[in-house]
N, C-alpha and C. Protein backbone atom coordinates (compact mmCIF):
# COMPACT_ATOMS: atom_id res chain seq x y z
N UNK A 1 0.88 -1.25 -0.05
CA UNK A 1 -0.19 -0.07 -0.12
C UNK A 1 0.97 1.43 0.17
N UNK A 2 0.45 2.41 -0.97
CA UNK A 2 1.26 3.26 -0.67
C UNK A 2 1.25 4.24 0.60
N UNK A 3 2.07 5.02 1.03
CA UNK A 3 1.64 5.73 1.96
C UNK A 3 0.95 6.98 1.70
N UNK A 4 0.53 7.66 3.01
CA UNK A 4 -0.54 8.56 2.98
C UNK A 4 -0.07 9.79 1.61
N UNK A 5 1.14 10.20 1.68
CA UNK A 5 1.70 11.33 0.69
C UNK A 5 1.39 10.52 -0.83
N UNK A 6 1.55 9.76 -0.93
CA UNK A 6 1.11 9.13 -2.06
C UNK A 6 0.11 8.61 -2.37
N UNK A 7 -0.98 8.99 -1.76
CA UNK A 7 -2.54 8.46 -2.25
C UNK A 7 -3.02 9.17 -2.97
N UNK A 8 -3.62 8.79 -3.86
CA UNK A 8 -4.12 9.47 -5.42
C UNK A 8 -5.34 8.50 -5.72
N UNK A 9 -6.25 9.34 -6.43
CA UNK A 9 -7.23 8.29 -7.26
C UNK A 9 -6.50 7.14 -8.20
N UNK A 10 -5.56 7.86 -9.22
CA UNK A 10 -5.01 6.98 -9.69
C UNK A 10 -4.25 5.74 -8.99
N UNK A 11 -3.73 5.96 -7.92
CA UNK A 11 -3.02 4.69 -7.02
C UNK A 11 -4.24 3.67 -6.39
N UNK A 12 -5.22 4.75 -6.04
CA UNK A 12 -6.36 3.83 -5.50
C UNK A 12 -6.99 2.85 -6.64
N UNK A 13 -6.85 3.47 -7.64
CA UNK A 13 -7.56 2.64 -8.81
C UNK A 13 -6.87 1.42 -8.86
N UNK A 14 -5.95 1.92 -9.33
CA UNK A 14 -4.63 0.60 -9.69
C UNK A 14 -4.84 -0.56 -8.65
N UNK A 15 -5.02 -0.44 -7.18
CA UNK A 15 -4.89 -1.01 -6.14
C UNK A 15 -6.41 -1.62 -6.31
N UNK A 16 -7.22 -1.24 -6.62
CA UNK A 16 -8.96 -1.80 -6.78
C UNK A 16 -8.71 -3.02 -8.11
N UNK A 17 -7.99 -2.51 -8.87
CA UNK A 17 -7.82 -3.55 -10.03
C UNK A 17 -7.23 -4.72 -9.71
N UNK A 18 -6.68 -5.31 -8.78
CA UNK A 18 -6.25 -6.23 -7.80
C UNK A 18 -7.08 -7.22 -8.41
N UNK A 19 -6.95 -8.36 -8.80
CA UNK A 19 -8.01 -9.71 -8.57
C UNK A 19 -7.94 -10.62 -7.79
N UNK A 20 -6.89 -9.97 -7.08
CA UNK A 20 -6.58 -10.89 -5.34
C UNK A 20 -7.26 -10.53 -4.65
N UNK A 21 -7.81 -8.90 -4.34
CA UNK A 21 -8.18 -8.42 -3.11
C UNK A 21 -9.63 -9.07 -3.32
N UNK A 22 -10.16 -9.18 -1.88
CA UNK A 22 -11.30 -9.91 -1.66
C UNK A 22 -12.41 -8.46 -1.25
N UNK A 23 -13.78 -8.89 -1.03
CA UNK A 23 -14.39 -7.48 -1.21
C UNK A 23 -14.41 -6.92 0.14
N UNK A 24 -13.80 -7.13 1.48
CA UNK A 24 -13.34 -6.48 2.23
C UNK A 24 -12.34 -5.67 2.37
N UNK A 25 -11.23 -6.23 1.44
CA UNK A 25 -10.20 -5.22 1.33
C UNK A 25 -10.82 -4.28 -0.01
N UNK A 26 -11.67 -4.63 -0.88
CA UNK A 26 -11.91 -3.24 -1.82
C UNK A 26 -12.53 -2.47 -0.90
N UNK A 27 -13.55 -3.02 -0.16
CA UNK A 27 -14.62 -1.51 0.81
C UNK A 27 -13.41 -0.86 1.63
N UNK A 28 -12.45 -1.32 2.31
CA UNK A 28 -11.47 -0.72 2.69
C UNK A 28 -10.65 0.50 2.00
N UNK A 29 -10.11 0.27 0.81
CA UNK A 29 -9.79 1.19 -0.36
C UNK A 29 -10.68 2.37 -0.56
N UNK A 30 -11.96 1.93 -1.14
CA UNK A 30 -13.03 2.80 -0.56
C UNK A 30 -13.09 4.00 0.22
N UNK A 31 -13.13 3.42 1.31
CA UNK A 31 -13.51 4.26 2.67
C UNK A 31 -12.18 5.19 2.49
N UNK A 32 -10.75 4.65 2.45
CA UNK A 32 -9.60 5.17 2.10
C UNK A 32 -9.63 5.96 1.31
N UNK A 33 -10.28 6.13 0.04
CA UNK A 33 -10.80 7.05 -0.89
C UNK A 33 -11.40 8.61 -0.28
N UNK A 34 -12.65 8.07 0.20
CA UNK A 34 -14.08 8.71 0.73
C UNK A 34 -13.22 9.66 2.01
N UNK A 35 -12.12 9.00 3.06
CA UNK A 35 -11.61 9.58 3.94
C UNK A 35 -10.61 10.98 3.52
N UNK A 36 -10.01 10.47 2.49
CA UNK A 36 -9.08 11.28 1.81
C UNK A 36 -9.89 12.37 0.73
N UNK A 37 -10.92 12.30 0.68
CA UNK A 37 -11.83 13.41 -0.32
C UNK A 37 -11.54 12.66 -2.12
N UNK A 38 -11.21 11.82 -2.01
CA UNK A 38 -10.85 11.31 -3.19
C UNK A 38 -12.01 10.59 -4.49
N UNK A 39 -13.25 10.40 -4.06
CA UNK A 39 -14.12 9.97 -4.36
C UNK A 39 -14.69 10.82 -5.74
N UNK A 40 -14.41 12.30 -5.72
CA UNK A 40 -14.97 12.64 -7.06
C UNK A 40 -13.65 12.31 -8.31
N UNK A 41 -12.70 12.55 -7.95
CA UNK A 41 -11.61 12.31 -8.54
C UNK A 41 -11.38 10.92 -9.24
N UNK A 42 -11.80 9.98 -8.45
CA UNK A 42 -11.91 8.71 -9.01
C UNK A 42 -13.10 8.56 -9.95
N UNK A 43 -13.80 8.54 -9.41
CA UNK A 43 -15.41 8.97 -10.94
C UNK A 43 -14.98 9.60 -12.13
N UNK A 44 -14.26 11.13 -12.02
CA UNK A 44 -13.68 11.76 -13.25
C UNK A 44 -12.64 10.49 -13.77
N UNK A 45 -11.77 10.19 -12.97
CA UNK A 45 -10.97 9.16 -14.02
C UNK A 45 -12.03 7.82 -14.51
N UNK A 46 -12.33 7.48 -13.83
CA UNK A 46 -13.44 6.10 -14.38
C UNK A 46 -14.20 6.78 -15.63
N UNK A 47 -14.96 7.76 -16.10
CA UNK A 47 -15.53 8.34 -16.75
C UNK A 47 -14.53 8.75 -18.19
N UNK A 48 -13.71 9.13 -17.42
CA UNK A 48 -12.56 9.72 -18.57
C UNK A 48 -12.04 8.28 -19.28
N UNK A 49 -11.98 6.97 -18.39
CA UNK A 49 -11.23 5.76 -19.19
C UNK A 49 -12.53 5.44 -19.84
N UNK A 50 -13.95 5.38 -19.45
CA UNK A 50 -15.14 4.82 -20.61
C UNK A 50 -14.98 5.91 -21.33
N UNK A 51 -14.76 7.08 -21.19
CA UNK A 51 -14.79 7.76 -22.74
C UNK A 51 -13.56 7.59 -23.69
N UNK A 52 -12.83 6.97 -23.16
CA UNK A 52 -11.55 6.36 -24.42
C UNK A 52 -12.03 5.16 -24.56
N UNK A 53 -12.71 4.26 -23.83
CA UNK A 53 -13.40 2.72 -24.51
C UNK A 53 -14.34 2.62 -24.36
N UNK A 54 -15.21 3.04 -24.72
CA UNK A 54 -16.82 3.05 -24.60
C UNK A 54 -17.52 1.71 -25.06
N UNK A 55 -16.91 0.89 -25.64
CA UNK A 55 -17.09 -0.34 -25.48
C UNK A 55 -16.81 -1.45 -24.58
N UNK A 56 -16.11 -1.02 -23.67
CA UNK A 56 -15.50 -1.59 -22.77
C UNK A 56 -16.13 -2.40 -21.75
N UNK A 57 -17.09 -3.39 -21.49
CA UNK A 57 -18.14 -3.44 -20.47
C UNK A 57 -17.42 -3.33 -18.96
N UNK A 58 -16.14 -3.90 -18.91
CA UNK A 58 -15.53 -4.04 -18.03
C UNK A 58 -15.34 -2.49 -17.22
N UNK A 59 -14.77 -1.39 -17.78
CA UNK A 59 -14.84 -0.01 -17.55
C UNK A 59 -16.04 0.39 -17.24
N UNK A 60 -17.38 0.20 -17.93
CA UNK A 60 -18.33 0.83 -17.45
C UNK A 60 -18.84 0.32 -15.91
N UNK A 61 -18.40 -1.31 -16.07
CA UNK A 61 -19.05 -1.75 -14.66
C UNK A 61 -18.11 -1.05 -13.35
N UNK A 62 -16.77 -0.96 -13.57
CA UNK A 62 -16.20 -0.16 -12.73
C UNK A 62 -16.16 1.11 -12.56
N UNK A 63 -16.89 1.78 -13.56
CA UNK A 63 -17.56 3.15 -13.11
C UNK A 63 -19.04 3.25 -12.35
N UNK A 64 -19.54 2.15 -12.57
CA UNK A 64 -20.97 2.02 -12.15
C UNK A 64 -20.61 1.82 -10.31
N UNK A 65 -19.80 1.13 -9.87
CA UNK A 65 -18.80 1.06 -8.74
C UNK A 65 -18.40 1.98 -8.15
N UNK A 66 -17.78 2.97 -8.74
CA UNK A 66 -17.64 4.41 -8.25
C UNK A 66 -18.89 5.23 -8.19
N UNK A 67 -19.74 4.87 -9.13
CA UNK A 67 -20.80 6.12 -8.94
C UNK A 67 -21.67 5.45 -7.35
N UNK A 68 -21.74 4.34 -7.17
CA UNK A 68 -22.13 3.49 -5.94
C UNK A 68 -21.57 3.91 -4.93
N UNK A 69 -20.35 4.21 -4.81
CA UNK A 69 -19.43 4.67 -3.65
C UNK A 69 -20.07 6.29 -3.54
N UNK A 70 -20.08 6.88 -4.31
CA UNK A 70 -20.76 8.11 -4.14
C UNK A 70 -21.97 8.38 -3.65
N UNK A 71 -22.72 7.67 -4.34
CA UNK A 71 -24.10 7.31 -3.48
C UNK A 71 -23.96 7.09 -2.29
N UNK A 72 -23.54 6.27 -1.65
CA UNK A 72 -23.09 5.89 -0.34
C UNK A 72 -22.84 7.14 0.52
N UNK A 73 -21.62 7.57 -0.17
CA UNK A 73 -21.24 8.85 0.81
C UNK A 73 -22.28 9.76 0.85
N UNK A 74 -22.97 10.43 -0.01
CA UNK A 74 -23.92 11.56 -0.22
C UNK A 74 -25.06 10.90 0.69
N UNK A 75 -25.63 9.44 0.47
CA UNK A 75 -26.72 9.23 1.03
C UNK A 75 -26.75 8.56 2.55
N UNK A 76 -25.48 8.97 2.87
CA UNK A 76 -25.38 8.44 4.44
C UNK A 76 -25.82 9.56 5.68
N UNK A 77 -26.22 10.79 4.76
CA UNK A 77 -26.52 11.90 5.65
C UNK A 77 -27.90 12.04 5.65
N UNK A 78 -28.64 11.01 4.78
CA UNK A 78 -29.85 11.34 4.69
C UNK A 78 -31.25 10.31 5.43
N UNK A 79 -32.30 11.08 6.04
CA UNK A 79 -33.04 10.25 6.81
C UNK A 79 -34.22 9.89 5.76
N UNK A 80 -34.56 8.64 5.81
CA UNK A 80 -35.66 8.40 5.25
C UNK A 80 -36.88 7.90 5.92
């Protein structure tokens, strides 16, 4: 894992691409992104990747996961 000084949207996305990660490890990385204020940058990076490769279903799936994380962040303060 990179040191806090090296934490970036790109470094977190690269770590999330590791096929060896289990779901708990992925959630931990998303939580690091949230705490570091990097969710918007990660969503933007995913959108740019999809723009470059619009027919890549894996990138679209990853972008959807990034959108979900953003929804979780925003939705955490709502009372239903």
